[in-house]
Amino acid sequence: MRAELKSKIIEVCDRKIALKGDNVGLSFYAFFANKNDTPELLMEVATWWIQTHQLDHFVKAHKIKQMMIDGV
């Protein structure tokens, strides 16, 4: 996954955890605006989320953040 996406995902996870607590769950849509102006980035994250790691629709933000940090 691109470094810019990893940074954005970590930033969004940090923001959601700060706002809603450590138990907050996210879907991969949380990293994008409602207007899909970057479909190739959306597909990159969707592929990582769904095909590569077979994650559920909602996953705890702290787990996603740790996966980004670990380079999984």
N, C-alpha and C. Protein backbone atom coordinates (compact mmCIF):
# COMPACT_ATOMS: atom_id res chain seq x y z
N MET A 1 0.84 -1.18 0.00
CA MET A 1 0.00 0.00 0.00
C MET A 1 0.89 1.24 0.00
N ARG A 2 0.43 2.24 -0.70
CA ARG A 2 1.20 3.50 -0.81
C ARG A 2 1.41 4.14 0.56
N ALA A 3 2.56 4.75 0.74
CA ALA A 3 2.90 5.42 1.99
C ALA A 3 1.90 6.53 2.32
N GLU A 4 1.44 7.25 1.31
CA GLU A 4 0.46 8.32 1.55
C GLU A 4 -0.84 7.77 2.10
N LEU A 5 -1.25 6.60 1.64
CA LEU A 5 -2.47 5.98 2.16
C LEU A 5 -2.27 5.51 3.59
N LYS A 6 -1.14 4.91 3.87
CA LYS A 6 -0.86 4.46 5.23
C LYS A 6 -0.91 5.62 6.21
N SER A 7 -0.29 6.74 5.83
CA SER A 7 -0.30 7.92 6.70
C SER A 7 -1.71 8.43 6.92
N LYS A 8 -2.50 8.47 5.85
CA LYS A 8 -3.88 8.95 5.95
C LYS A 8 -4.70 8.03 6.84
N ILE A 9 -4.54 6.72 6.68
CA ILE A 9 -5.29 5.75 7.47
C ILE A 9 -4.94 5.87 8.94
N ILE A 10 -3.67 6.01 9.27
CA ILE A 10 -3.25 6.19 10.66
C ILE A 10 -3.84 7.47 11.23
N GLU A 11 -3.81 8.53 10.46
CA GLU A 11 -4.37 9.82 10.89
C GLU A 11 -5.86 9.71 11.18
N VAL A 12 -6.60 9.07 10.28
CA VAL A 12 -8.05 8.92 10.47
C VAL A 12 -8.32 8.04 11.69
N CYS A 13 -7.58 6.96 11.85
CA CYS A 13 -7.75 6.10 13.01
C CYS A 13 -7.51 6.87 14.31
N ASP A 14 -6.44 7.64 14.35
CA ASP A 14 -6.14 8.45 15.54
C ASP A 14 -7.28 9.42 15.84
N ARG A 15 -7.79 10.07 14.81
CA ARG A 15 -8.86 11.04 14.97
C ARG A 15 -10.15 10.37 15.48
N LYS A 16 -10.50 9.24 14.91
CA LYS A 16 -11.72 8.53 15.33
C LYS A 16 -11.58 8.00 16.76
N ILE A 17 -10.41 7.47 17.10
CA ILE A 17 -10.18 6.97 18.46
C ILE A 17 -10.28 8.12 19.46
N ALA A 18 -9.70 9.27 19.13
CA ALA A 18 -9.75 10.43 20.02
C ALA A 18 -11.19 10.92 20.20
N LEU A 19 -11.97 10.84 19.14
CA LEU A 19 -13.35 11.33 19.16
C LEU A 19 -14.31 10.36 19.85
N LYS A 20 -14.16 9.07 19.55
CA LYS A 20 -15.17 8.10 19.99
C LYS A 20 -14.65 7.01 20.92
N GLY A 21 -13.37 7.02 21.21
CA GLY A 21 -12.82 6.04 22.14
C GLY A 21 -12.14 4.88 21.44
N ASP A 22 -11.46 4.08 22.23
CA ASP A 22 -10.63 2.99 21.73
C ASP A 22 -11.43 1.86 21.10
N ASN A 23 -12.72 1.82 21.35
CA ASN A 23 -13.55 0.73 20.87
C ASN A 23 -14.22 1.04 19.52
N VAL A 24 -13.90 2.16 18.92
CA VAL A 24 -14.56 2.58 17.68
C VAL A 24 -14.17 1.66 16.53
N GLY A 25 -15.16 1.32 15.72
CA GLY A 25 -14.92 0.51 14.54
C GLY A 25 -15.03 1.35 13.28
N LEU A 26 -14.32 0.94 12.24
CA LEU A 26 -14.32 1.66 10.97
C LEU A 26 -14.51 0.69 9.82
N SER A 27 -15.03 1.22 8.73
CA SER A 27 -15.00 0.49 7.47
C SER A 27 -13.97 1.19 6.60
N PHE A 28 -13.61 0.59 5.48
CA PHE A 28 -12.59 1.23 4.64
C PHE A 28 -13.10 2.52 4.01
N TYR A 29 -14.42 2.72 4.01
CA TYR A 29 -14.97 3.98 3.50
C TYR A 29 -14.62 5.18 4.38
N ALA A 30 -14.25 4.94 5.63
CA ALA A 30 -13.94 6.02 6.56
C ALA A 30 -12.75 6.87 6.11
N PHE A 31 -11.97 6.35 5.20
CA PHE A 31 -10.75 7.04 4.79
C PHE A 31 -10.96 7.92 3.55
N PHE A 32 -12.21 8.03 3.12
CA PHE A 32 -12.52 8.77 1.90
C PHE A 32 -13.71 9.69 2.11
N ALA A 33 -13.77 10.75 1.32
CA ALA A 33 -14.90 11.67 1.35
C ALA A 33 -16.11 10.99 0.73
N ASN A 34 -17.29 11.53 1.01
CA ASN A 34 -18.51 10.96 0.44
C ASN A 34 -18.49 11.00 -1.08
N LYS A 35 -17.84 12.00 -1.64
CA LYS A 35 -17.69 12.09 -3.09
C LYS A 35 -16.45 11.29 -3.48
N ASN A 36 -16.65 10.29 -4.30
CA ASN A 36 -15.55 9.42 -4.68
C ASN A 36 -14.73 10.04 -5.81
N ASP A 37 -13.80 10.91 -5.43
CA ASP A 37 -12.98 11.60 -6.43
C ASP A 37 -11.64 10.91 -6.67
N THR A 38 -11.36 9.84 -5.94
CA THR A 38 -10.12 9.08 -6.14
C THR A 38 -10.43 7.57 -6.17
N PRO A 39 -11.10 7.12 -7.22
CA PRO A 39 -11.52 5.71 -7.26
C PRO A 39 -10.36 4.72 -7.22
N GLU A 40 -9.21 5.08 -7.77
CA GLU A 40 -8.08 4.14 -7.74
C GLU A 40 -7.55 3.95 -6.33
N LEU A 41 -7.57 5.00 -5.50
CA LEU A 41 -7.14 4.86 -4.11
C LEU A 41 -8.16 4.06 -3.31
N LEU A 42 -9.43 4.33 -3.57
CA LEU A 42 -10.50 3.58 -2.90
C LEU A 42 -10.36 2.09 -3.20
N MET A 43 -10.12 1.75 -4.45
CA MET A 43 -9.98 0.35 -4.83
C MET A 43 -8.74 -0.28 -4.21
N GLU A 44 -7.68 0.50 -4.07
CA GLU A 44 -6.46 -0.02 -3.44
C GLU A 44 -6.73 -0.40 -1.98
N VAL A 45 -7.43 0.47 -1.27
CA VAL A 45 -7.75 0.18 0.12
C VAL A 45 -8.77 -0.95 0.22
N ALA A 46 -9.78 -0.94 -0.65
CA ALA A 46 -10.79 -2.00 -0.65
C ALA A 46 -10.15 -3.36 -0.92
N THR A 47 -9.22 -3.42 -1.84
CA THR A 47 -8.53 -4.67 -2.15
C THR A 47 -7.72 -5.14 -0.95
N TRP A 48 -7.00 -4.23 -0.33
CA TRP A 48 -6.21 -4.56 0.87
C TRP A 48 -7.13 -5.08 1.96
N TRP A 49 -8.25 -4.40 2.18
CA TRP A 49 -9.19 -4.72 3.27
C TRP A 49 -9.93 -6.03 3.03
N ILE A 50 -10.50 -6.17 1.81
CA ILE A 50 -11.40 -7.29 1.52
C ILE A 50 -10.66 -8.52 1.00
N GLN A 51 -9.85 -8.35 -0.02
CA GLN A 51 -9.21 -9.51 -0.64
C GLN A 51 -7.96 -9.96 0.11
N THR A 52 -7.09 -9.02 0.42
CA THR A 52 -5.82 -9.39 1.03
C THR A 52 -5.98 -9.90 2.46
N HIS A 53 -6.77 -9.17 3.27
CA HIS A 53 -6.86 -9.51 4.69
C HIS A 53 -8.21 -10.07 5.11
N GLN A 54 -9.16 -10.11 4.21
CA GLN A 54 -10.50 -10.66 4.47
C GLN A 54 -11.08 -10.14 5.79
N LEU A 55 -11.00 -8.83 5.96
CA LEU A 55 -11.53 -8.19 7.17
C LEU A 55 -13.04 -8.04 7.08
N ASP A 56 -13.70 -8.00 8.23
CA ASP A 56 -15.13 -7.72 8.28
C ASP A 56 -15.38 -6.29 7.83
N HIS A 57 -16.66 -5.97 7.62
CA HIS A 57 -16.99 -4.63 7.15
C HIS A 57 -16.51 -3.57 8.15
N PHE A 58 -16.76 -3.79 9.44
CA PHE A 58 -16.28 -2.87 10.48
C PHE A 58 -15.20 -3.57 11.29
N VAL A 59 -14.09 -2.85 11.49
CA VAL A 59 -12.95 -3.37 12.25
C VAL A 59 -12.52 -2.26 13.21
N LYS A 60 -12.06 -2.64 14.38
CA LYS A 60 -11.61 -1.66 15.37
C LYS A 60 -10.49 -0.80 14.80
N ALA A 61 -10.60 0.50 15.01
CA ALA A 61 -9.62 1.45 14.47
C ALA A 61 -8.22 1.15 14.98
N HIS A 62 -8.11 0.76 16.24
CA HIS A 62 -6.77 0.48 16.79
C HIS A 62 -6.12 -0.71 16.08
N LYS A 63 -6.92 -1.69 15.63
CA LYS A 63 -6.38 -2.84 14.90
C LYS A 63 -5.86 -2.41 13.53
N ILE A 64 -6.64 -1.59 12.83
CA ILE A 64 -6.23 -1.10 11.50
C ILE A 64 -4.97 -0.26 11.63
N LYS A 65 -4.95 0.61 12.63
CA LYS A 65 -3.76 1.45 12.84
C LYS A 65 -2.53 0.58 13.07
N GLN A 66 -2.66 -0.43 13.91
CA GLN A 66 -1.52 -1.30 14.20
C GLN A 66 -1.07 -2.07 12.95
N MET A 67 -2.03 -2.47 12.12
CA MET A 67 -1.68 -3.16 10.87
C MET A 67 -0.87 -2.22 9.96
N MET A 68 -1.23 -0.96 9.94
CA MET A 68 -0.48 0.02 9.13
C MET A 68 0.93 0.20 9.67
N ILE A 69 1.03 0.32 10.98
CA ILE A 69 2.34 0.50 11.62
C ILE A 69 3.23 -0.72 11.39
N ASP A 70 2.64 -1.91 11.48
CA ASP A 70 3.39 -3.16 11.30
C ASP A 70 3.70 -3.45 9.83
N GLY A 71 3.08 -2.71 8.92
CA GLY A 71 3.32 -2.92 7.51
C GLY A 71 2.64 -4.16 6.95
N VAL A 72 1.57 -4.57 7.59
CA VAL A 72 0.83 -5.76 7.16
C VAL A 72 0.00 -5.45 5.93
